[in-house]
Full PDB file with SEQRES, HELIX, SHEET, SSBOND, CRYST1, ORIGX, SCALE, CONECT and MASTER records, all heavy atoms in Angstrom:
SEQRES   1 A   36  ILE SER ARG ASP ASN ALA LYS ASN THR VAL TYR LEU GLN          
SEQRES   2 A   36  MET ASN SER LEU LYS PRO GLU ASP THR ALA ALA TYR TYR          
SEQRES   3 A   36  CYS ASN ALA ARG THR VAL VAL ALA ASP TRP                      
HELIX    1 AA1 ASN A    5  LYS A    7  5                                   3    
HELIX    2 AA2 PRO A   19  ASP A   21  5                                   3    
SHEET    1 AA1 2 SER A   2  ASP A   4  0                                        
SHEET    2 AA1 2 THR A   9  TYR A  11 -1                                        
CRYST1    1.000    1.000    1.000  90.00  90.00  90.00 P 1           1          
ORIGX1      1.000000  0.000000  0.000000        0.00000                         
ORIGX2      0.000000  1.000000  0.000000        0.00000                         
ORIGX3      0.000000  0.000000  1.000000        0.00000                         
SCALE1      1.000000  0.000000  0.000000        0.00000                         
SCALE2      0.000000  1.000000  0.000000        0.00000                         
SCALE3      0.000000  0.000000  1.000000        0.00000                         
ATOM      1  N   ILE A   1       2.315  -3.312   6.629  1.00  0.00           N  
ATOM      2  CA  ILE A   1       2.932  -3.011   7.911  1.00  0.00           C  
ATOM      3  C   ILE A   1       4.321  -2.426   7.670  1.00  0.00           C  
ATOM      4  O   ILE A   1       5.035  -2.843   6.756  1.00  0.00           O  
ATOM      5  CB  ILE A   1       3.002  -4.264   8.813  1.00  0.00           C  
ATOM      6  CG1 ILE A   1       3.451  -3.897  10.225  1.00  0.00           C  
ATOM      7  CG2 ILE A   1       3.904  -5.336   8.209  1.00  0.00           C  
ATOM      8  CD1 ILE A   1       3.318  -5.043  11.230  1.00  0.00           C  
ATOM      9  N   SER A   2       4.690  -1.458   8.468  1.00  0.00           N  
ATOM     10  CA  SER A   2       6.004  -0.853   8.379  1.00  0.00           C  
ATOM     11  C   SER A   2       6.432  -0.401   9.770  1.00  0.00           C  
ATOM     12  O   SER A   2       5.626  -0.377  10.702  1.00  0.00           O  
ATOM     13  CB  SER A   2       6.004   0.329   7.392  1.00  0.00           C  
ATOM     14  OG  SER A   2       5.111   1.342   7.816  1.00  0.00           O  
ATOM     15  N   ARG A   3       7.697  -0.040   9.906  1.00  0.00           N  
ATOM     16  CA  ARG A   3       8.180   0.415  11.207  1.00  0.00           C  
ATOM     17  C   ARG A   3       9.293   1.425  11.038  1.00  0.00           C  
ATOM     18  O   ARG A   3      10.014   1.427  10.041  1.00  0.00           O  
ATOM     19  CB  ARG A   3       8.649  -0.766  12.072  1.00  0.00           C  
ATOM     20  CG  ARG A   3       9.839  -1.525  11.528  1.00  0.00           C  
ATOM     21  CD  ARG A   3      10.127  -2.780  12.353  1.00  0.00           C  
ATOM     22  NE  ARG A   3      10.740  -2.478  13.640  1.00  0.00           N  
ATOM     23  CZ  ARG A   3      11.035  -3.397  14.571  1.00  0.00           C  
ATOM     24  NH1 ARG A   3      10.735  -4.669  14.366  1.00  0.00           N  
ATOM     25  NH2 ARG A   3      11.607  -3.027  15.709  1.00  0.00           N  
ATOM     26  N   ASP A   4       9.418   2.259  12.038  1.00  0.00           N  
ATOM     27  CA  ASP A   4      10.493   3.224  12.135  1.00  0.00           C  
ATOM     28  C   ASP A   4      11.279   2.854  13.378  1.00  0.00           C  
ATOM     29  O   ASP A   4      10.844   3.122  14.499  1.00  0.00           O  
ATOM     30  CB  ASP A   4       9.935   4.646  12.227  1.00  0.00           C  
ATOM     31  CG  ASP A   4      11.013   5.705  12.197  1.00  0.00           C  
ATOM     32  OD1 ASP A   4      12.157   5.427  12.612  1.00  0.00           O  
ATOM     33  OD2 ASP A   4      10.724   6.837  11.761  1.00  0.00           O  
ATOM     34  N   ASN A   5      12.414   2.214  13.193  1.00  0.00           N  
ATOM     35  CA  ASN A   5      13.181   1.717  14.322  1.00  0.00           C  
ATOM     36  C   ASN A   5      13.689   2.845  15.223  1.00  0.00           C  
ATOM     37  O   ASN A   5      13.775   2.683  16.439  1.00  0.00           O  
ATOM     38  CB  ASN A   5      14.360   0.871  13.835  1.00  0.00           C  
ATOM     39  CG  ASN A   5      13.919  -0.424  13.190  1.00  0.00           C  
ATOM     40  OD1 ASN A   5      12.817  -0.921  13.448  1.00  0.00           O  
ATOM     41  ND2 ASN A   5      14.779  -0.993  12.347  1.00  0.00           N  
ATOM     42  N   ALA A   6      14.027   3.968  14.628  1.00  0.00           N  
ATOM     43  CA  ALA A   6      14.529   5.092  15.411  1.00  0.00           C  
ATOM     44  C   ALA A   6      13.466   5.641  16.351  1.00  0.00           C  
ATOM     45  O   ALA A   6      13.789   6.181  17.408  1.00  0.00           O  
ATOM     46  CB  ALA A   6      15.044   6.193  14.490  1.00  0.00           C  
ATOM     47  N   LYS A   7      12.204   5.519  15.964  1.00  0.00           N  
ATOM     48  CA  LYS A   7      11.099   6.017  16.771  1.00  0.00           C  
ATOM     49  C   LYS A   7      10.390   4.919  17.553  1.00  0.00           C  
ATOM     50  O   LYS A   7       9.428   5.213  18.271  1.00  0.00           O  
ATOM     51  CB  LYS A   7      10.084   6.745  15.896  1.00  0.00           C  
ATOM     52  CG  LYS A   7      10.624   7.976  15.201  1.00  0.00           C  
ATOM     53  CD  LYS A   7       9.552   8.633  14.346  1.00  0.00           C  
ATOM     54  CE  LYS A   7      10.075   9.874  13.664  1.00  0.00           C  
ATOM     55  NZ  LYS A   7       9.037  10.516  12.810  1.00  0.00           N  
ATOM     56  N   ASN A   8      10.832   3.675  17.397  1.00  0.00           N  
ATOM     57  CA  ASN A   8      10.166   2.540  18.036  1.00  0.00           C  
ATOM     58  C   ASN A   8       8.667   2.543  17.738  1.00  0.00           C  
ATOM     59  O   ASN A   8       7.839   2.328  18.629  1.00  0.00           O  
ATOM     60  CB  ASN A   8      10.416   2.532  19.542  1.00  0.00           C  
ATOM     61  CG  ASN A   8      11.837   2.150  19.895  1.00  0.00           C  
ATOM     62  OD1 ASN A   8      12.469   1.350  19.206  1.00  0.00           O  
ATOM     63  ND2 ASN A   8      12.346   2.707  20.980  1.00  0.00           N  
ATOM     64  N   THR A   9       8.350   2.764  16.489  1.00  0.00           N  
ATOM     65  CA  THR A   9       6.963   2.907  16.074  1.00  0.00           C  
ATOM     66  C   THR A   9       6.655   1.950  14.927  1.00  0.00           C  
ATOM     67  O   THR A   9       7.475   1.782  14.015  1.00  0.00           O  
ATOM     68  CB  THR A   9       6.669   4.346  15.638  1.00  0.00           C  
ATOM     69  OG1 THR A   9       6.899   5.228  16.746  1.00  0.00           O  
ATOM     70  CG2 THR A   9       5.225   4.497  15.181  1.00  0.00           C  
ATOM     71  N   VAL A  10       5.490   1.342  14.985  1.00  0.00           N  
ATOM     72  CA  VAL A  10       5.016   0.470  13.928  1.00  0.00           C  
ATOM     73  C   VAL A  10       3.715   1.038  13.379  1.00  0.00           C  
ATOM     74  O   VAL A  10       2.926   1.644  14.115  1.00  0.00           O  
ATOM     75  CB  VAL A  10       4.832  -0.983  14.419  1.00  0.00           C  
ATOM     76  CG1 VAL A  10       3.756  -1.073  15.494  1.00  0.00           C  
ATOM     77  CG2 VAL A  10       4.522  -1.919  13.264  1.00  0.00           C  
ATOM     78  N   TYR A  11       3.505   0.852  12.085  1.00  0.00           N  
ATOM     79  CA  TYR A  11       2.336   1.372  11.403  1.00  0.00           C  
ATOM     80  C   TYR A  11       1.603   0.245  10.694  1.00  0.00           C  
ATOM     81  O   TYR A  11       2.199  -0.764  10.320  1.00  0.00           O  
ATOM     82  CB  TYR A  11       2.723   2.428  10.367  1.00  0.00           C  
ATOM     83  CG  TYR A  11       3.585   3.542  10.913  1.00  0.00           C  
ATOM     84  CD1 TYR A  11       4.974   3.456  10.851  1.00  0.00           C  
ATOM     85  CD2 TYR A  11       3.017   4.670  11.475  1.00  0.00           C  
ATOM     86  CE1 TYR A  11       5.772   4.466  11.343  1.00  0.00           C  
ATOM     87  CE2 TYR A  11       3.808   5.695  11.974  1.00  0.00           C  
ATOM     88  CZ  TYR A  11       5.187   5.585  11.903  1.00  0.00           C  
ATOM     89  OH  TYR A  11       5.974   6.594  12.397  1.00  0.00           O  
ATOM     90  N   LEU A  12       0.328   0.446  10.500  1.00  0.00           N  
ATOM     91  CA  LEU A  12      -0.469  -0.461   9.689  1.00  0.00           C  
ATOM     92  C   LEU A  12      -1.334   0.371   8.762  1.00  0.00           C  
ATOM     93  O   LEU A  12      -2.289   1.008   9.208  1.00  0.00           O  
ATOM     94  CB  LEU A  12      -1.340  -1.377  10.551  1.00  0.00           C  
ATOM     95  CG  LEU A  12      -2.098  -2.462   9.797  1.00  0.00           C  
ATOM     96  CD1 LEU A  12      -1.130  -3.492   9.219  1.00  0.00           C  
ATOM     97  CD2 LEU A  12      -3.124  -3.145  10.694  1.00  0.00           C  
ATOM     98  N   GLN A  13      -0.974   0.378   7.488  1.00  0.00           N  
ATOM     99  CA  GLN A  13      -1.767   1.053   6.476  1.00  0.00           C  
ATOM    100  C   GLN A  13      -2.830   0.087   5.986  1.00  0.00           C  
ATOM    101  O   GLN A  13      -2.499  -0.970   5.438  1.00  0.00           O  
ATOM    102  CB  GLN A  13      -0.892   1.521   5.322  1.00  0.00           C  
ATOM    103  CG  GLN A  13      -1.652   2.193   4.184  1.00  0.00           C  
ATOM    104  CD  GLN A  13      -2.296   3.496   4.605  1.00  0.00           C  
ATOM    105  OE1 GLN A  13      -1.661   4.332   5.226  1.00  0.00           O  
ATOM    106  NE2 GLN A  13      -3.564   3.662   4.266  1.00  0.00           N  
ATOM    107  N   MET A  14      -4.082   0.442   6.171  1.00  0.00           N  
ATOM    108  CA  MET A  14      -5.198  -0.427   5.828  1.00  0.00           C  
ATOM    109  C   MET A  14      -5.980   0.215   4.692  1.00  0.00           C  
ATOM    110  O   MET A  14      -6.594   1.270   4.870  1.00  0.00           O  
ATOM    111  CB  MET A  14      -6.099  -0.667   7.044  1.00  0.00           C  
ATOM    112  CG  MET A  14      -5.365  -1.242   8.248  1.00  0.00           C  
ATOM    113  SD  MET A  14      -6.486  -1.666   9.615  1.00  0.00           S  
ATOM    114  CE  MET A  14      -7.062  -0.025  10.053  1.00  0.00           C  
ATOM    115  N   ASN A  15      -5.957  -0.426   3.543  1.00  0.00           N  
ATOM    116  CA  ASN A  15      -6.671   0.044   2.373  1.00  0.00           C  
ATOM    117  C   ASN A  15      -7.809  -0.907   2.040  1.00  0.00           C  
ATOM    118  O   ASN A  15      -7.823  -2.065   2.458  1.00  0.00           O  
ATOM    119  CB  ASN A  15      -5.733   0.161   1.169  1.00  0.00           C  
ATOM    120  CG  ASN A  15      -4.611   1.145   1.380  1.00  0.00           C  
ATOM    121  OD1 ASN A  15      -4.779   2.164   2.049  1.00  0.00           O  
ATOM    122  ND2 ASN A  15      -3.448   0.857   0.800  1.00  0.00           N  
ATOM    123  N   SER A  16      -8.751  -0.414   1.257  1.00  0.00           N  
ATOM    124  CA  SER A  16      -9.885  -1.226   0.801  1.00  0.00           C  
ATOM    125  C   SER A  16     -10.546  -1.962   1.959  1.00  0.00           C  
ATOM    126  O   SER A  16     -10.788  -3.168   1.896  1.00  0.00           O  
ATOM    127  CB  SER A  16      -9.418  -2.218  -0.272  1.00  0.00           C  
ATOM    128  OG  SER A  16      -8.853  -1.550  -1.382  1.00  0.00           O  
ATOM    129  N   LEU A  17     -10.842  -1.228   2.998  1.00  0.00           N  
ATOM    130  CA  LEU A  17     -11.396  -1.842   4.202  1.00  0.00           C  
ATOM    131  C   LEU A  17     -12.756  -2.471   3.934  1.00  0.00           C  
ATOM    132  O   LEU A  17     -13.558  -1.960   3.151  1.00  0.00           O  
ATOM    133  CB  LEU A  17     -11.499  -0.810   5.309  1.00  0.00           C  
ATOM    134  CG  LEU A  17     -10.171  -0.487   5.996  1.00  0.00           C  
ATOM    135  CD1 LEU A  17     -10.259   0.819   6.762  1.00  0.00           C  
ATOM    136  CD2 LEU A  17      -9.769  -1.623   6.927  1.00  0.00           C  
ATOM    137  N   LYS A  18     -12.990  -3.584   4.608  1.00  0.00           N  
ATOM    138  CA  LYS A  18     -14.224  -4.337   4.500  1.00  0.00           C  
ATOM    139  C   LYS A  18     -14.903  -4.407   5.861  1.00  0.00           C  
ATOM    140  O   LYS A  18     -14.239  -4.308   6.891  1.00  0.00           O  
ATOM    141  CB  LYS A  18     -13.940  -5.762   4.005  1.00  0.00           C  
ATOM    142  CG  LYS A  18     -13.183  -5.845   2.694  1.00  0.00           C  
ATOM    143  CD  LYS A  18     -12.834  -7.292   2.368  1.00  0.00           C  
ATOM    144  CE  LYS A  18     -12.080  -7.402   1.066  1.00  0.00           C  
ATOM    145  NZ  LYS A  18     -11.719  -8.812   0.759  1.00  0.00           N  
ATOM    146  N   PRO A  19     -16.216  -4.608   5.894  1.00  0.00           N  
ATOM    147  CA  PRO A  19     -16.891  -4.742   7.190  1.00  0.00           C  
ATOM    148  C   PRO A  19     -16.286  -5.832   8.067  1.00  0.00           C  
ATOM    149  O   PRO A  19     -16.273  -5.679   9.291  1.00  0.00           O  
ATOM    150  CB  PRO A  19     -18.334  -5.074   6.799  1.00  0.00           C  
ATOM    151  CG  PRO A  19     -18.512  -4.412   5.468  1.00  0.00           C  
ATOM    152  CD  PRO A  19     -17.180  -4.574   4.780  1.00  0.00           C  
ATOM    153  N   GLU A  20     -15.790  -6.903   7.481  1.00  0.00           N  
ATOM    154  CA  GLU A  20     -15.198  -7.972   8.267  1.00  0.00           C  
ATOM    155  C   GLU A  20     -13.867  -7.592   8.905  1.00  0.00           C  
ATOM    156  O   GLU A  20     -13.325  -8.355   9.712  1.00  0.00           O  
ATOM    157  CB  GLU A  20     -15.023  -9.248   7.429  1.00  0.00           C  
ATOM    158  CG  GLU A  20     -14.325  -9.024   6.101  1.00  0.00           C  
ATOM    159  CD  GLU A  20     -15.297  -8.905   4.938  1.00  0.00           C  
ATOM    160  OE1 GLU A  20     -16.316  -8.203   5.083  1.00  0.00           O  
ATOM    161  OE2 GLU A  20     -15.040  -9.517   3.880  1.00  0.00           O  
ATOM    162  N   ASP A  21     -13.326  -6.422   8.563  1.00  0.00           N  
ATOM    163  CA  ASP A  21     -12.138  -5.913   9.235  1.00  0.00           C  
ATOM    164  C   ASP A  21     -12.458  -5.259  10.571  1.00  0.00           C  
ATOM    165  O   ASP A  21     -11.541  -4.893  11.313  1.00  0.00           O  
ATOM    166  CB  ASP A  21     -11.399  -4.905   8.342  1.00  0.00           C  
ATOM    167  CG  ASP A  21     -10.847  -5.533   7.076  1.00  0.00           C  
ATOM    168  OD1 ASP A  21     -10.308  -6.660   7.151  1.00  0.00           O  
ATOM    169  OD2 ASP A  21     -10.946  -4.892   6.008  1.00  0.00           O  
ATOM    170  N   THR A  22     -13.727  -5.085  10.866  1.00  0.00           N  
ATOM    171  CA  THR A  22     -14.140  -4.458  12.116  1.00  0.00           C  
ATOM    172  C   THR A  22     -13.635  -5.268  13.308  1.00  0.00           C  
ATOM    173  O   THR A  22     -13.908  -6.458  13.422  1.00  0.00           O  
ATOM    174  CB  THR A  22     -15.658  -4.329  12.181  1.00  0.00           C  
ATOM    175  OG1 THR A  22     -16.105  -3.448  11.142  1.00  0.00           O  
ATOM    176  CG2 THR A  22     -16.107  -3.782  13.522  1.00  0.00           C  
ATOM    177  N   ALA A  23     -12.896  -4.613  14.188  1.00  0.00           N  
ATOM    178  CA  ALA A  23     -12.312  -5.281  15.343  1.00  0.00           C  
ATOM    179  C   ALA A  23     -11.568  -4.267  16.193  1.00  0.00           C  
ATOM    180  O   ALA A  23     -11.365  -3.123  15.781  1.00  0.00           O  
ATOM    181  CB  ALA A  23     -11.351  -6.395  14.902  1.00  0.00           C  
ATOM    182  N   ALA A  24     -11.164  -4.714  17.368  1.00  0.00           N  
ATOM    183  CA  ALA A  24     -10.185  -3.981  18.147  1.00  0.00           C  
ATOM    184  C   ALA A  24      -8.803  -4.420  17.694  1.00  0.00           C  
ATOM    185  O   ALA A  24      -8.516  -5.618  17.638  1.00  0.00           O  
ATOM    186  CB  ALA A  24     -10.369  -4.241  19.640  1.00  0.00           C  
ATOM    187  N   TYR A  25      -7.976  -3.463  17.351  1.00  0.00           N  
ATOM    188  CA  TYR A  25      -6.635  -3.752  16.858  1.00  0.00           C  
ATOM    189  C   TYR A  25      -5.617  -3.474  17.954  1.00  0.00           C  
ATOM    190  O   TYR A  25      -5.602  -2.394  18.552  1.00  0.00           O  
ATOM    191  CB  TYR A  25      -6.324  -2.914  15.615  1.00  0.00           C  
ATOM    192  CG  TYR A  25      -7.004  -3.435  14.371  1.00  0.00           C  
ATOM    193  CD1 TYR A  25      -8.376  -3.301  14.203  1.00  0.00           C  
ATOM    194  CD2 TYR A  25      -6.278  -4.073  13.374  1.00  0.00           C  
ATOM    195  CE1 TYR A  25      -9.011  -3.796  13.082  1.00  0.00           C  
ATOM    196  CE2 TYR A  25      -6.911  -4.570  12.238  1.00  0.00           C  
ATOM    197  CZ  TYR A  25      -8.270  -4.431  12.099  1.00  0.00           C  
ATOM    198  OH  TYR A  25      -8.898  -4.918  10.976  1.00  0.00           O  
ATOM    199  N   TYR A  26      -4.759  -4.455  18.194  1.00  0.00           N  
ATOM    200  CA  TYR A  26      -3.781  -4.384  19.271  1.00  0.00           C  
ATOM    201  C   TYR A  26      -2.367  -4.432  18.709  1.00  0.00           C  
ATOM    202  O   TYR A  26      -2.058  -5.254  17.842  1.00  0.00           O  
ATOM    203  CB  TYR A  26      -3.954  -5.543  20.250  1.00  0.00           C  
ATOM    204  CG  TYR A  26      -5.276  -5.538  20.979  1.00  0.00           C  
ATOM    205  CD1 TYR A  26      -6.386  -6.198  20.458  1.00  0.00           C  
ATOM    206  CD2 TYR A  26      -5.414  -4.877  22.192  1.00  0.00           C  
ATOM    207  CE1 TYR A  26      -7.597  -6.193  21.117  1.00  0.00           C  
ATOM    208  CE2 TYR A  26      -6.624  -4.874  22.862  1.00  0.00           C  
ATOM    209  CZ  TYR A  26      -7.712  -5.535  22.315  1.00  0.00           C  
ATOM    210  OH  TYR A  26      -8.916  -5.536  22.984  1.00  0.00           O  
ATOM    211  N   CYS A  27      -1.535  -3.587  19.232  1.00  0.00           N  
ATOM    212  CA  CYS A  27      -0.128  -3.561  18.882  1.00  0.00           C  
ATOM    213  C   CYS A  27       0.651  -4.469  19.821  1.00  0.00           C  
ATOM    214  O   CYS A  27       0.365  -4.534  21.021  1.00  0.00           O  
ATOM    215  CB  CYS A  27       0.389  -2.124  18.980  1.00  0.00           C  
ATOM    216  SG  CYS A  27       2.152  -1.924  18.663  1.00  0.00           S  
ATOM    217  N   ASN A  28       1.631  -5.168  19.279  1.00  0.00           N  
ATOM    218  CA  ASN A  28       2.486  -6.049  20.055  1.00  0.00           C  
ATOM    219  C   ASN A  28       3.944  -5.768  19.723  1.00  0.00           C  
ATOM    220  O   ASN A  28       4.287  -5.512  18.572  1.00  0.00           O  
ATOM    221  CB  ASN A  28       2.150  -7.513  19.754  1.00  0.00           C  
ATOM    222  CG  ASN A  28       3.166  -8.477  20.326  1.00  0.00           C  
ATOM    223  OD1 ASN A  28       4.045  -8.970  19.616  1.00  0.00           O  
ATOM    224  ND2 ASN A  28       3.049  -8.760  21.616  1.00  0.00           N  
ATOM    225  N   ALA A  29       4.785  -5.819  20.740  1.00  0.00           N  
ATOM    226  CA  ALA A  29       6.216  -5.630  20.535  1.00  0.00           C  
ATOM    227  C   ALA A  29       6.985  -6.607  21.404  1.00  0.00           C  
ATOM    228  O   ALA A  29       6.808  -6.618  22.624  1.00  0.00           O  
ATOM    229  CB  ALA A  29       6.633  -4.196  20.852  1.00  0.00           C  
ATOM    230  N   ARG A  30       7.808  -7.422  20.761  1.00  0.00           N  
ATOM    231  CA  ARG A  30       8.696  -8.314  21.501  1.00  0.00           C  
ATOM    232  C   ARG A  30       9.963  -7.525  21.801  1.00  0.00           C  
ATOM    233  O   ARG A  30      10.767  -7.266  20.911  1.00  0.00           O  
ATOM    234  CB  ARG A  30       8.992  -9.573  20.707  1.00  0.00           C  
ATOM    235  CG  ARG A  30       9.664 -10.637  21.530  1.00  0.00           C  
ATOM    236  CD  ARG A  30       9.610 -11.991  20.852  1.00  0.00           C  
ATOM    237  NE  ARG A  30       9.941 -13.043  21.798  1.00  0.00           N  
ATOM    238  CZ  ARG A  30       9.975 -14.329  21.511  1.00  0.00           C  
ATOM    239  NH1 ARG A  30       9.672 -14.737  20.290  1.00  0.00           N  
ATOM    240  NH2 ARG A  30      10.289 -15.208  22.448  1.00  0.00           N  
ATOM    241  N   THR A  31      10.116  -7.166  23.066  1.00  0.00           N  
ATOM    242  CA  THR A  31      11.055  -6.146  23.470  1.00  0.00           C  
ATOM    243  C   THR A  31      12.089  -6.695  24.438  1.00  0.00           C  
ATOM    244  O   THR A  31      11.753  -7.380  25.401  1.00  0.00           O  
ATOM    245  CB  THR A  31      10.317  -4.973  24.136  1.00  0.00           C  
ATOM    246  OG1 THR A  31       9.284  -4.502  23.259  1.00  0.00           O  
ATOM    247  CG2 THR A  31      11.267  -3.833  24.458  1.00  0.00           C  
ATOM    248  N   VAL A  32      13.345  -6.368  24.194  1.00  0.00           N  
ATOM    249  CA  VAL A  32      14.413  -6.621  25.151  1.00  0.00           C  
ATOM    250  C   VAL A  32      14.547  -5.363  25.998  1.00  0.00           C  
ATOM    251  O   VAL A  32      14.859  -4.289  25.472  1.00  0.00           O  
ATOM    252  CB  VAL A  32      15.738  -6.962  24.461  1.00  0.00           C  
ATOM    253  CG1 VAL A  32      16.828  -7.197  25.508  1.00  0.00           C  
ATOM    254  CG2 VAL A  32      15.580  -8.174  23.569  1.00  0.00           C  
ATOM    255  N   VAL A  33      14.305  -5.490  27.291  1.00  0.00           N  
ATOM    256  CA  VAL A  33      14.331  -4.324  28.156  1.00  0.00           C  
ATOM    257  C   VAL A  33      15.756  -3.887  28.412  1.00  0.00           C  
ATOM    258  O   VAL A  33      16.703  -4.677  28.318  1.00  0.00           O  
ATOM    259  CB  VAL A  33      13.584  -4.587  29.479  1.00  0.00           C  
ATOM    260  CG1 VAL A  33      12.144  -4.950  29.203  1.00  0.00           C  
ATOM    261  CG2 VAL A  33      14.270  -5.689  30.279  1.00  0.00           C  
ATOM    262  N   ALA A  34      15.917  -2.623  28.779  1.00  0.00           N  
ATOM    263  CA  ALA A  34      17.241  -2.034  28.971  1.00  0.00           C  
ATOM    264  C   ALA A  34      17.731  -2.124  30.405  1.00  0.00           C  
ATOM    265  O   ALA A  34      18.712  -1.469  30.754  1.00  0.00           O  
ATOM    266  CB  ALA A  34      17.220  -0.582  28.515  1.00  0.00           C  
ATOM    267  N   ASP A  35      17.066  -2.904  31.228  1.00  0.00           N  
ATOM    268  CA  ASP A  35      17.491  -3.123  32.605  1.00  0.00           C  
ATOM    269  C   ASP A  35      18.244  -4.433  32.729  1.00  0.00           C  
ATOM    270  O   ASP A  35      17.890  -5.427  32.098  1.00  0.00           O  
ATOM    271  CB  ASP A  35      16.285  -3.142  33.551  1.00  0.00           C  
ATOM    272  CG  ASP A  35      15.514  -1.854  33.541  1.00  0.00           C  
ATOM    273  OD1 ASP A  35      16.075  -0.824  33.152  1.00  0.00           O  
ATOM    274  OD2 ASP A  35      14.328  -1.879  33.919  1.00  0.00           O  
ATOM    275  N   TRP A  36      19.281  -4.441  33.562  1.00  0.00           N  
ATOM    276  CA  TRP A  36      20.011  -5.669  33.834  1.00  0.00           C  
ATOM    277  C   TRP A  36      19.320  -6.475  34.913  1.00  0.00           C  
ATOM    278  O   TRP A  36      18.940  -5.911  35.947  1.00  0.00           O  
ATOM    279  CB  TRP A  36      21.447  -5.354  34.250  1.00  0.00           C  
ATOM    280  CG  TRP A  36      22.248  -6.589  34.439  1.00  0.00           C  
ATOM    281  CD1 TRP A  36      22.529  -7.219  35.613  1.00  0.00           C  
ATOM    282  CD2 TRP A  36      22.856  -7.372  33.408  1.00  0.00           C  
ATOM    283  NE1 TRP A  36      23.278  -8.337  35.390  1.00  0.00           N  
ATOM    284  CE2 TRP A  36      23.491  -8.457  34.035  1.00  0.00           C  
ATOM    285  CE3 TRP A  36      22.922  -7.252  32.022  1.00  0.00           C  
ATOM    286  CZ2 TRP A  36      24.179  -9.421  33.319  1.00  0.00           C  
ATOM    287  CZ3 TRP A  36      23.606  -8.205  31.316  1.00  0.00           C  
ATOM    288  CH2 TRP A  36      24.227  -9.275  31.963  1.00  0.00           C  
TER     289      TRP A  36                                                      
MASTER        0    0    0    2    2    0    0    6  288    1    0    3          
END                                                                             
């Protein structure tokens, strides 16, 4: 897993994939909103 803070983007490089990796993958971000 890696991230680019300037782009607010997270990546997941998945190598040597196995059948048991089959799934729906969801991104999560714990975010402080910019509204007061």
